[in-house]
Amino acid sequence: MDTPIACTLSPDQYRNRTADLAALAGRALRSREPIAGGERLTFARSDEIERELEAVVAAEASCCAFLAFDIERHDDRLVLDISGPQDARPVIAELFV
């Protein structure tokens, strides 16, 4: 069975989450590029940013089960791959903007 492309957040929760993602992007997002199945986002690396990114990825994974998240840690950056079905591409494009 396919996972439906639907967010489980209430409208208020959605507004708060998108504001949190935008704030993190404003502080730490360095680049964004398309990959097969989604997008690759590169963030500056610090302990604080890493904790925050891990928390928002866990939160997003729980409300948007149709998306897959993978964080890679490098010395100077964090790389987040977000992927999902073709119909989820607009959702992926709206994350961290």
C-alpha atoms as a PDB file:
ATOM      1  CA  MET A   1       0.000   0.000   0.000  1.00  0.00           C
ATOM      2  CA  ASP A   2       1.287   3.453  -0.873  1.00  0.00           C
ATOM      3  CA  THR A   3       1.561   6.082   1.839  1.00  0.00           C
ATOM      4  CA  PRO A   4      -0.815   8.964   1.069  1.00  0.00           C
ATOM      5  CA  ILE A   5       0.748  12.344   0.359  1.00  0.00           C
ATOM      6  CA  ALA A   6      -0.818  14.206   3.244  1.00  0.00           C
ATOM      7  CA  CYS A   7       0.565  16.153   6.184  1.00  0.00           C
ATOM      8  CA  THR A   8      -0.981  15.290   9.539  1.00  0.00           C
ATOM      9  CA  LEU A   9      -0.350  18.704  11.158  1.00  0.00           C
ATOM     10  CA  SER A  10      -3.180  21.065  12.035  1.00  0.00           C
ATOM     11  CA  PRO A  11      -3.156  24.441  10.236  1.00  0.00           C
ATOM     12  CA  ASP A  12      -1.611  26.147  13.296  1.00  0.00           C
ATOM     13  CA  GLN A  13       1.010  23.417  13.689  1.00  0.00           C
ATOM     14  CA  TYR A  14       1.809  23.667   9.976  1.00  0.00           C
ATOM     15  CA  ARG A  15       2.329  27.449  10.207  1.00  0.00           C
ATOM     16  CA  ASN A  16       4.601  27.035  13.222  1.00  0.00           C
ATOM     17  CA  ARG A  17       6.584  24.237  11.571  1.00  0.00           C
ATOM     18  CA  THR A  18       7.115  26.118   8.316  1.00  0.00           C
ATOM     19  CA  ALA A  19       8.245  29.163  10.313  1.00  0.00           C
ATOM     20  CA  ASP A  20      10.740  26.979  12.217  1.00  0.00           C
ATOM     21  CA  LEU A  21      12.075  25.450   8.991  1.00  0.00           C
ATOM     22  CA  ALA A  22      12.390  28.881   7.366  1.00  0.00           C
ATOM     23  CA  ALA A  23      14.246  30.242  10.404  1.00  0.00           C
ATOM     24  CA  LEU A  24      16.709  27.337  10.328  1.00  0.00           C
ATOM     25  CA  ALA A  25      17.196  27.813   6.581  1.00  0.00           C
ATOM     26  CA  GLY A  26      17.820  31.523   7.085  1.00  0.00           C
ATOM     27  CA  ARG A  27      20.550  30.814   9.615  1.00  0.00           C
ATOM     28  CA  ALA A  28      22.260  27.774   8.136  1.00  0.00           C
ATOM     29  CA  LEU A  29      21.118  26.702   4.652  1.00  0.00           C
ATOM     30  CA  ARG A  30      24.015  27.121   2.218  1.00  0.00           C
ATOM     31  CA  SER A  31      22.774  25.433  -0.954  1.00  0.00           C
ATOM     32  CA  ARG A  32      19.899  23.503  -2.476  1.00  0.00           C
ATOM     33  CA  GLU A  33      20.052  21.285  -5.546  1.00  0.00           C
ATOM     34  CA  PRO A  34      17.848  18.697  -7.233  1.00  0.00           C
ATOM     35  CA  ILE A  35      18.664  15.013  -6.883  1.00  0.00           C
ATOM     36  CA  ALA A  36      16.907  11.915  -8.160  1.00  0.00           C
ATOM     37  CA  GLY A  37      13.649  11.760  -6.256  1.00  0.00           C
ATOM     38  CA  GLY A  38      13.933  15.075  -4.444  1.00  0.00           C
ATOM     39  CA  GLU A  39      16.404  17.702  -3.254  1.00  0.00           C
ATOM     40  CA  ARG A  40      19.759  17.938  -1.481  1.00  0.00           C
ATOM     41  CA  LEU A  41      20.136  20.718   1.077  1.00  0.00           C
ATOM     42  CA  THR A  42      23.508  21.676   2.505  1.00  0.00           C
ATOM     43  CA  PHE A  43      23.693  23.384   5.885  1.00  0.00           C
ATOM     44  CA  ALA A  44      26.516  24.968   7.841  1.00  0.00           C
ATOM     45  CA  ARG A  45      27.646  22.611  10.580  1.00  0.00           C
ATOM     46  CA  SER A  46      27.664  23.367  14.268  1.00  0.00           C
ATOM     47  CA  ASP A  47      26.478  21.342  17.245  1.00  0.00           C
ATOM     48  CA  GLU A  48      23.428  23.601  17.578  1.00  0.00           C
ATOM     49  CA  ILE A  49      22.481  23.389  13.895  1.00  0.00           C
ATOM     50  CA  GLU A  50      22.969  19.619  13.903  1.00  0.00           C
ATOM     51  CA  ARG A  51      20.665  19.164  16.907  1.00  0.00           C
ATOM     52  CA  GLU A  52      18.068  21.471  15.404  1.00  0.00           C
ATOM     53  CA  LEU A  53      18.206  19.775  12.000  1.00  0.00           C
ATOM     54  CA  GLU A  54      17.873  16.322  13.568  1.00  0.00           C
ATOM     55  CA  ALA A  55      14.849  17.505  15.567  1.00  0.00           C
ATOM     56  CA  VAL A  56      13.027  19.009  12.589  1.00  0.00           C
ATOM     57  CA  VAL A  57      13.785  15.963  10.427  1.00  0.00           C
ATOM     58  CA  ALA A  58      12.315  13.680  13.122  1.00  0.00           C
ATOM     59  CA  ALA A  59       9.258  15.933  13.377  1.00  0.00           C
ATOM     60  CA  GLU A  60       8.803  16.034   9.597  1.00  0.00           C
ATOM     61  CA  ALA A  61       9.203  12.273   9.303  1.00  0.00           C
ATOM     62  CA  SER A  62       6.372  11.783  11.792  1.00  0.00           C
ATOM     63  CA  CYS A  63       3.882  14.093  10.063  1.00  0.00           C
ATOM     64  CA  CYS A  64       4.896  13.450   6.445  1.00  0.00           C
ATOM     65  CA  ALA A  65       5.481   9.705   6.317  1.00  0.00           C
ATOM     66  CA  PHE A  66       5.600   9.820   2.513  1.00  0.00           C
ATOM     67  CA  LEU A  67       8.994  11.588   2.624  1.00  0.00           C
ATOM     68  CA  ALA A  68      12.420  10.071   3.235  1.00  0.00           C
ATOM     69  CA  PHE A  69      15.166  12.037   4.982  1.00  0.00           C
ATOM     70  CA  ASP A  70      18.873  11.252   5.130  1.00  0.00           C
ATOM     71  CA  ILE A  71      21.455  13.388   6.939  1.00  0.00           C
ATOM     72  CA  GLU A  72      25.160  13.054   6.168  1.00  0.00           C
ATOM     73  CA  ARG A  73      27.701  14.657   8.453  1.00  0.00           C
ATOM     74  CA  HIS A  74      30.873  16.162   7.017  1.00  0.00           C
ATOM     75  CA  ASP A  75      33.566  18.187   8.801  1.00  0.00           C
ATOM     76  CA  ASP A  76      32.243  21.553   7.656  1.00  0.00           C
ATOM     77  CA  ARG A  77      28.644  20.861   6.598  1.00  0.00           C
ATOM     78  CA  LEU A  78      25.507  18.813   7.044  1.00  0.00           C
ATOM     79  CA  VAL A  79      23.885  17.398   3.921  1.00  0.00           C
ATOM     80  CA  LEU A  80      20.180  16.592   4.007  1.00  0.00           C
ATOM     81  CA  ASP A  81      18.620  14.577   1.199  1.00  0.00           C
ATOM     82  CA  ILE A  82      14.827  14.718   1.059  1.00  0.00           C
ATOM     83  CA  SER A  83      13.058  12.387  -1.330  1.00  0.00           C
ATOM     84  CA  GLY A  84       9.623  11.063  -2.044  1.00  0.00           C
ATOM     85  CA  PRO A  85       7.213  10.056  -4.761  1.00  0.00           C
ATOM     86  CA  GLN A  86       6.817  12.256  -7.834  1.00  0.00           C
ATOM     87  CA  ASP A  87       3.583  13.756  -6.480  1.00  0.00           C
ATOM     88  CA  ALA A  88       5.466  14.910  -3.364  1.00  0.00           C
ATOM     89  CA  ARG A  89       7.956  17.096  -5.256  1.00  0.00           C
ATOM     90  CA  PRO A  90       5.976  20.326  -4.610  1.00  0.00           C
ATOM     91  CA  VAL A  91       5.955  19.507  -0.871  1.00  0.00           C
ATOM     92  CA  ILE A  92       9.731  18.914  -0.894  1.00  0.00           C
ATOM     93  CA  ALA A  93      10.293  22.208  -2.722  1.00  0.00           C
ATOM     94  CA  GLU A  94       8.416  24.092   0.021  1.00  0.00           C
ATOM     95  CA  LEU A  95      10.514  22.734   2.887  1.00  0.00           C
ATOM     96  CA  PHE A  96      13.173  25.046   4.339  1.00  0.00           C
ATOM     97  CA  VAL A  97      12.175  28.128   2.310  1.00  0.00           C
END
